[in-house]
Amino acid sequence: MTPANSTDSVNTIYMLNGSNFKSWKENLEIVLGMMDLDFALREDFPPALTDKSTSEQKREKEMWEKSNREDPPQYTVEDAEGLADRLALLLAD
């Protein structure tokens, strides 16, 4: 996915309003998957690499770190309104 398409995809995520959590979450998961940024959400943190780590273990660690370290979008104070309510919904799901 190109950066322009990434931005377009992020722009398709509509605002969470308290009554649309299920569809908002599904949409967010689809967009993160399209951007290959959902690996850290789906997989547990990999164990520390050693000199005996396999190439598959190294690849998984690299994928997890890439997925986890992408620059998060910048949020405004307006976006943060109701964050406690949103978090409560997320934790309840």
N, C-alpha and C. Protein backbone atom coordinates (compact mmCIF):
# COMPACT_ATOMS: atom_id res chain seq x y z
N MET A 1 0.85 -1.17 0.00
CA MET A 1 0.00 0.00 0.00
C MET A 1 0.90 1.23 0.00
N THR A 2 0.61 2.17 -0.87
CA THR A 2 1.41 3.38 -0.95
C THR A 2 1.00 4.35 0.15
N PRO A 3 1.88 5.30 0.48
CA PRO A 3 1.52 6.26 1.53
C PRO A 3 0.22 7.01 1.24
N ALA A 4 -0.01 7.38 -0.02
CA ALA A 4 -1.25 8.09 -0.33
C ALA A 4 -2.44 7.20 -0.03
N ASN A 5 -2.35 5.94 -0.39
CA ASN A 5 -3.45 5.02 -0.10
C ASN A 5 -3.60 4.80 1.39
N SER A 6 -2.49 4.80 2.12
CA SER A 6 -2.55 4.65 3.57
C SER A 6 -3.33 5.80 4.17
N THR A 7 -3.04 7.00 3.72
CA THR A 7 -3.75 8.17 4.23
C THR A 7 -5.22 8.09 3.88
N ASP A 8 -5.51 7.69 2.65
CA ASP A 8 -6.91 7.55 2.24
C ASP A 8 -7.62 6.53 3.11
N SER A 9 -6.95 5.41 3.40
CA SER A 9 -7.56 4.37 4.23
C SER A 9 -7.81 4.87 5.65
N VAL A 10 -6.85 5.58 6.21
CA VAL A 10 -7.03 6.11 7.56
C VAL A 10 -8.20 7.08 7.58
N ASN A 11 -8.36 7.83 6.52
CA ASN A 11 -9.46 8.80 6.46
C ASN A 11 -10.83 8.13 6.38
N THR A 12 -10.87 6.82 6.06
CA THR A 12 -12.16 6.12 6.01
C THR A 12 -12.62 5.66 7.38
N ILE A 13 -11.76 5.77 8.38
CA ILE A 13 -12.15 5.37 9.74
C ILE A 13 -12.98 6.50 10.32
N TYR A 14 -14.24 6.20 10.56
CA TYR A 14 -15.13 7.24 11.05
C TYR A 14 -15.00 7.38 12.56
N MET A 15 -15.49 8.50 13.06
CA MET A 15 -15.37 8.84 14.47
C MET A 15 -16.18 7.88 15.34
N LEU A 16 -15.57 7.44 16.39
CA LEU A 16 -16.26 6.63 17.38
C LEU A 16 -17.19 7.55 18.16
N ASN A 17 -18.48 7.19 18.21
CA ASN A 17 -19.43 8.09 18.85
C ASN A 17 -20.13 7.48 20.06
N GLY A 18 -19.72 6.31 20.48
CA GLY A 18 -20.33 5.69 21.65
C GLY A 18 -21.38 4.66 21.30
N SER A 19 -22.00 4.77 20.13
CA SER A 19 -23.01 3.79 19.75
C SER A 19 -22.59 2.96 18.55
N ASN A 20 -21.41 3.24 18.00
CA ASN A 20 -20.96 2.53 16.81
C ASN A 20 -19.67 1.75 17.03
N PHE A 21 -19.43 1.33 18.27
CA PHE A 21 -18.14 0.72 18.59
C PHE A 21 -17.84 -0.50 17.74
N LYS A 22 -18.80 -1.41 17.59
CA LYS A 22 -18.55 -2.66 16.87
C LYS A 22 -18.13 -2.40 15.43
N SER A 23 -18.86 -1.56 14.71
CA SER A 23 -18.51 -1.28 13.32
C SER A 23 -17.22 -0.45 13.23
N TRP A 24 -17.02 0.47 14.19
CA TRP A 24 -15.79 1.26 14.22
C TRP A 24 -14.57 0.36 14.41
N LYS A 25 -14.68 -0.60 15.33
CA LYS A 25 -13.57 -1.51 15.61
C LYS A 25 -13.27 -2.38 14.39
N GLU A 26 -14.30 -2.91 13.75
CA GLU A 26 -14.11 -3.73 12.55
C GLU A 26 -13.43 -2.93 11.46
N ASN A 27 -13.88 -1.70 11.24
CA ASN A 27 -13.29 -0.83 10.23
C ASN A 27 -11.83 -0.54 10.55
N LEU A 28 -11.53 -0.25 11.80
CA LEU A 28 -10.16 0.03 12.22
C LEU A 28 -9.27 -1.18 12.00
N GLU A 29 -9.75 -2.36 12.35
CA GLU A 29 -8.97 -3.59 12.17
C GLU A 29 -8.69 -3.85 10.69
N ILE A 30 -9.66 -3.59 9.83
CA ILE A 30 -9.46 -3.78 8.39
C ILE A 30 -8.39 -2.83 7.88
N VAL A 31 -8.49 -1.57 8.25
CA VAL A 31 -7.52 -0.57 7.78
C VAL A 31 -6.12 -0.89 8.30
N LEU A 32 -6.00 -1.23 9.57
CA LEU A 32 -4.68 -1.58 10.12
C LEU A 32 -4.12 -2.81 9.42
N GLY A 33 -4.98 -3.78 9.10
CA GLY A 33 -4.54 -4.96 8.37
C GLY A 33 -4.07 -4.62 6.97
N MET A 34 -4.78 -3.74 6.28
CA MET A 34 -4.39 -3.31 4.94
C MET A 34 -3.04 -2.60 4.96
N MET A 35 -2.77 -1.90 6.05
CA MET A 35 -1.52 -1.16 6.19
C MET A 35 -0.42 -2.02 6.81
N ASP A 36 -0.74 -3.27 7.09
CA ASP A 36 0.19 -4.22 7.71
C ASP A 36 0.70 -3.69 9.05
N LEU A 37 -0.21 -3.08 9.82
CA LEU A 37 0.15 -2.53 11.13
C LEU A 37 -0.57 -3.26 12.27
N ASP A 38 -1.19 -4.37 11.97
CA ASP A 38 -1.96 -5.07 13.00
C ASP A 38 -1.23 -6.26 13.61
N PHE A 39 -0.02 -6.54 13.17
CA PHE A 39 0.71 -7.70 13.66
C PHE A 39 0.91 -7.64 15.17
N ALA A 40 1.29 -6.48 15.69
CA ALA A 40 1.53 -6.34 17.13
C ALA A 40 0.24 -6.47 17.93
N LEU A 41 -0.90 -6.24 17.29
CA LEU A 41 -2.18 -6.40 17.98
C LEU A 41 -2.62 -7.86 18.00
N ARG A 42 -2.21 -8.61 16.98
CA ARG A 42 -2.64 -10.01 16.86
C ARG A 42 -1.69 -10.99 17.53
N GLU A 43 -0.44 -10.64 17.63
CA GLU A 43 0.59 -11.56 18.12
C GLU A 43 1.17 -11.08 19.44
N ASP A 44 1.49 -12.03 20.30
CA ASP A 44 2.15 -11.69 21.56
C ASP A 44 3.56 -11.17 21.27
N PHE A 45 4.08 -10.40 22.22
CA PHE A 45 5.45 -9.89 22.10
C PHE A 45 6.40 -11.08 21.99
N PRO A 46 7.23 -11.11 20.97
CA PRO A 46 8.13 -12.26 20.80
C PRO A 46 9.24 -12.27 21.84
N PRO A 47 9.75 -13.46 22.15
CA PRO A 47 10.84 -13.54 23.12
C PRO A 47 12.11 -12.88 22.57
N ALA A 48 13.01 -12.55 23.46
CA ALA A 48 14.27 -11.93 23.06
C ALA A 48 15.04 -12.87 22.14
N LEU A 49 15.68 -12.28 21.14
CA LEU A 49 16.46 -13.08 20.21
C LEU A 49 17.79 -13.48 20.84
N THR A 50 18.25 -14.63 20.46
CA THR A 50 19.56 -15.12 20.91
C THR A 50 20.36 -15.53 19.68
N ASP A 51 21.59 -15.96 19.90
CA ASP A 51 22.39 -16.43 18.77
C ASP A 51 21.84 -17.75 18.21
N LYS A 52 20.92 -18.37 18.92
CA LYS A 52 20.30 -19.61 18.44
C LYS A 52 18.92 -19.38 17.83
N SER A 53 18.49 -18.14 17.74
CA SER A 53 17.18 -17.83 17.17
C SER A 53 17.15 -18.22 15.69
N THR A 54 16.03 -18.75 15.27
CA THR A 54 15.87 -19.14 13.87
C THR A 54 15.56 -17.91 13.02
N SER A 55 15.69 -18.07 11.72
CA SER A 55 15.36 -16.96 10.82
C SER A 55 13.88 -16.61 10.92
N GLU A 56 13.02 -17.60 11.17
CA GLU A 56 11.59 -17.34 11.35
C GLU A 56 11.35 -16.51 12.61
N GLN A 57 12.04 -16.82 13.69
CA GLN A 57 11.90 -16.05 14.93
C GLN A 57 12.38 -14.61 14.72
N LYS A 58 13.46 -14.45 13.99
CA LYS A 58 13.98 -13.11 13.70
C LYS A 58 13.00 -12.33 12.83
N ARG A 59 12.40 -13.00 11.84
CA ARG A 59 11.43 -12.35 10.96
C ARG A 59 10.20 -11.91 11.75
N GLU A 60 9.70 -12.79 12.62
CA GLU A 60 8.52 -12.45 13.43
C GLU A 60 8.81 -11.28 14.37
N LYS A 61 9.99 -11.28 14.97
CA LYS A 61 10.37 -10.18 15.86
C LYS A 61 10.43 -8.87 15.08
N GLU A 62 11.00 -8.92 13.89
CA GLU A 62 11.10 -7.73 13.05
C GLU A 62 9.71 -7.23 12.64
N MET A 63 8.83 -8.15 12.26
CA MET A 63 7.46 -7.77 11.89
C MET A 63 6.73 -7.15 13.07
N TRP A 64 6.89 -7.73 14.26
CA TRP A 64 6.21 -7.22 15.44
C TRP A 64 6.70 -5.81 15.76
N GLU A 65 8.01 -5.62 15.71
CA GLU A 65 8.57 -4.31 16.01
C GLU A 65 8.15 -3.27 14.99
N LYS A 66 8.13 -3.64 13.70
CA LYS A 66 7.68 -2.70 12.66
C LYS A 66 6.23 -2.31 12.90
N SER A 67 5.41 -3.29 13.20
CA SER A 67 3.99 -3.02 13.43
C SER A 67 3.78 -2.15 14.67
N ASN A 68 4.61 -2.32 15.66
CA ASN A 68 4.44 -1.62 16.93
C ASN A 68 5.06 -0.23 16.93
N ARG A 69 6.02 0.04 16.05
CA ARG A 69 6.74 1.32 16.14
C ARG A 69 6.33 2.36 15.12
N GLU A 70 5.41 2.04 14.23
CA GLU A 70 4.99 3.03 13.25
C GLU A 70 4.53 4.28 13.98
N ASP A 71 4.80 5.42 13.40
CA ASP A 71 4.40 6.68 14.02
C ASP A 71 2.89 6.73 14.16
N PRO A 72 2.41 6.94 15.37
CA PRO A 72 0.96 7.04 15.54
C PRO A 72 0.46 8.36 14.96
N PRO A 73 -0.77 8.38 14.51
CA PRO A 73 -1.30 9.65 14.00
C PRO A 73 -1.37 10.69 15.11
N GLN A 74 -1.33 11.92 14.73
CA GLN A 74 -1.43 13.01 15.70
C GLN A 74 -2.90 13.24 16.04
N TYR A 75 -3.19 13.33 17.30
CA TYR A 75 -4.56 13.53 17.75
C TYR A 75 -4.71 14.93 18.34
N THR A 76 -5.89 15.45 18.25
CA THR A 76 -6.18 16.75 18.85
C THR A 76 -6.95 16.54 20.14
N VAL A 77 -7.08 17.60 20.90
CA VAL A 77 -7.84 17.53 22.15
C VAL A 77 -9.28 17.13 21.84
N GLU A 78 -9.81 17.63 20.74
CA GLU A 78 -11.19 17.27 20.37
C GLU A 78 -11.33 15.77 20.17
N ASP A 79 -10.31 15.14 19.59
CA ASP A 79 -10.35 13.69 19.39
C ASP A 79 -10.35 12.95 20.71
N ALA A 80 -9.75 13.55 21.73
CA ALA A 80 -9.61 12.88 23.02
C ALA A 80 -10.85 12.97 23.89
N GLU A 81 -11.82 13.81 23.50
CA GLU A 81 -13.03 13.93 24.30
C GLU A 81 -13.73 12.57 24.36
N GLY A 82 -14.12 12.20 25.55
CA GLY A 82 -14.82 10.92 25.72
C GLY A 82 -13.90 9.72 25.70
N LEU A 83 -12.59 9.95 25.82
CA LEU A 83 -11.64 8.85 25.76
C LEU A 83 -11.90 7.80 26.84
N ALA A 84 -12.24 8.22 28.04
CA ALA A 84 -12.52 7.27 29.12
C ALA A 84 -13.71 6.38 28.76
N ASP A 85 -14.75 6.97 28.16
CA ASP A 85 -15.90 6.18 27.75
C ASP A 85 -15.52 5.18 26.66
N ARG A 86 -14.71 5.64 25.72
CA ARG A 86 -14.29 4.75 24.63
C ARG A 86 -13.43 3.61 25.16
N LEU A 87 -12.54 3.93 26.08
CA LEU A 87 -11.70 2.91 26.68
C LEU A 87 -12.54 1.90 27.44
N ALA A 88 -13.53 2.37 28.16
CA ALA A 88 -14.43 1.46 28.89
C ALA A 88 -15.14 0.53 27.92
N LEU A 89 -15.59 1.05 26.78
CA LEU A 89 -16.23 0.20 25.77
C LEU A 89 -15.25 -0.83 25.23
N LEU A 90 -14.04 -0.40 24.96
CA LEU A 90 -13.02 -1.30 24.44
C LEU A 90 -12.71 -2.42 25.42
N LEU A 91 -12.56 -2.07 26.67
CA LEU A 91 -12.25 -3.07 27.69
C LEU A 91 -13.42 -4.01 27.94
N ALA A 92 -14.63 -3.53 27.73
CA ALA A 92 -15.82 -4.37 27.94
C ALA A 92 -16.00 -5.37 26.81
N ASP A 93 -15.43 -5.09 25.64
CA ASP A 93 -15.61 -5.95 24.48
C ASP A 93 -14.77 -7.18 24.53
